[in-house]
Protein backbone atom coordinates (compact mmCIF):
# COMPACT_ATOMS: atom_id res chain seq x y z
CA MET A 1 -13.22 2.66 1.02
CA LYS A 2 -16.14 1.45 3.40
CA ILE A 3 -14.97 -1.51 5.96
CA VAL A 4 -17.45 -3.58 7.66
CA SER A 5 -17.48 -6.47 9.81
CA ALA A 6 -18.36 -9.95 8.30
CA THR A 7 -21.43 -10.14 10.61
CA GLU A 8 -22.48 -6.57 9.66
CA ALA A 9 -22.12 -7.67 5.99
CA LYS A 10 -23.89 -10.99 6.65
CA THR A 11 -26.91 -9.09 8.31
CA HIS A 12 -27.19 -6.45 5.59
CA PHE A 13 -25.93 -8.14 2.51
CA GLY A 14 -28.39 -6.64 0.35
CA LYS A 15 -27.51 -3.10 1.37
CA TYR A 16 -23.63 -3.76 0.85
CA LEU A 17 -24.32 -5.45 -2.51
CA SER A 18 -26.14 -2.14 -3.68
CA ILE A 19 -23.06 -0.19 -2.24
CA ALA A 20 -20.42 -2.22 -3.96
CA LEU A 21 -21.96 -1.53 -7.27
CA SER A 22 -20.56 1.89 -7.00
CA GLU A 23 -17.66 1.49 -4.52
CA PRO A 24 -15.67 -1.60 -3.16
CA ILE A 25 -16.56 -2.54 0.46
CA THR A 26 -13.97 -4.14 2.48
CA ILE A 27 -14.99 -7.01 4.89
CA SER A 28 -13.09 -7.61 8.02
CA LYS A 29 -13.24 -10.84 10.31
CA THR A 30 -11.77 -10.79 13.67
CA GLY A 31 -10.54 -7.19 13.06
CA HIS A 32 -8.51 -8.43 9.92
CA GLU A 33 -9.39 -7.10 6.52
CA THR A 34 -10.12 -10.26 4.63
CA ILE A 35 -12.29 -9.85 1.70
CA VAL A 36 -13.15 -7.11 -0.87
CA MET A 37 -16.62 -6.75 -2.60
CA LEU A 38 -16.78 -4.89 -5.68
CA SER A 39 -18.87 -4.79 -8.84
CA LYS A 40 -18.38 -7.09 -11.72
CA LYS A 41 -17.66 -3.97 -14.05
CA GLU A 42 -14.63 -2.94 -11.65
CA TYR A 43 -13.51 -6.48 -11.43
CA ASP A 44 -13.45 -6.77 -15.28
CA ARG A 45 -11.61 -3.51 -15.57
CA LEU A 46 -8.99 -4.76 -13.10
CA GLU A 47 -8.58 -7.83 -14.91
CA ALA A 48 -8.36 -6.01 -18.35
CA CYS A 49 -5.61 -4.08 -16.68
CA GLU A 50 -3.63 -6.95 -15.69
CA ASP A 51 -4.24 -8.42 -18.93
CA ALA A 52 -2.73 -5.42 -20.72
CA TYR A 53 0.26 -5.43 -18.14
CA TRP A 54 1.18 -9.20 -19.10
CA ARG A 55 0.64 -8.64 -22.82
CA SER A 56 3.14 -5.64 -22.78
CA ARG A 57 5.48 -7.70 -20.70
CA ALA A 58 5.47 -10.65 -23.30
CA HIS A 59 5.98 -7.96 -26.06
CA LEU A 60 9.03 -6.69 -24.28
CA ALA A 61 10.38 -10.18 -23.92
CA GLU A 62 9.79 -11.13 -27.28
CA LYS A 63 11.60 -7.54 -28.52
CA SER A 64 14.50 -8.54 -26.21
CA GLY A 65 15.08 -11.86 -27.68
CA TYR A 66 12.89 -14.23 -25.91
CA LEU A 67 11.68 -16.64 -28.44
CA GLY A 68 9.10 -18.58 -26.49
CA GLU A 69 9.04 -21.80 -24.77
CA ASP A 70 8.05 -23.98 -27.92
CA VAL A 71 11.02 -22.30 -30.09
CA GLY A 72 13.46 -22.76 -27.15
CA GLN A 73 12.67 -26.34 -26.39
CA ASP A 74 13.24 -27.12 -30.24
CA MET A 75 16.53 -25.20 -30.30
CA ILE A 76 17.81 -27.32 -26.92
CA LYS A 77 16.33 -30.76 -28.48
CA LYS A 78 18.34 -29.79 -31.83
CA LEU A 79 21.61 -29.11 -29.98
CA VAL A 80 21.24 -31.99 -27.74
CA ASP A 81 20.70 -34.40 -30.64
CA ALA A 82 23.39 -33.00 -32.90
């Protein structure tokens, strides 16, 4: 992954925008890596991975007995009102 300073990225923004279409660019400020510039396609891929992860976690929770927030609250309300 290419690392450039914020000043360099600002000065040659178009160049790094083009590079970011094929590989992430890390931008550092005062010696600290602060931002990663990446293509929309790569961003969408990462979001899809995260969505799939949380979908699988929700499925496992339901499989292990978690009923969901609404059902849980209804059950508690019925127990309290009984």
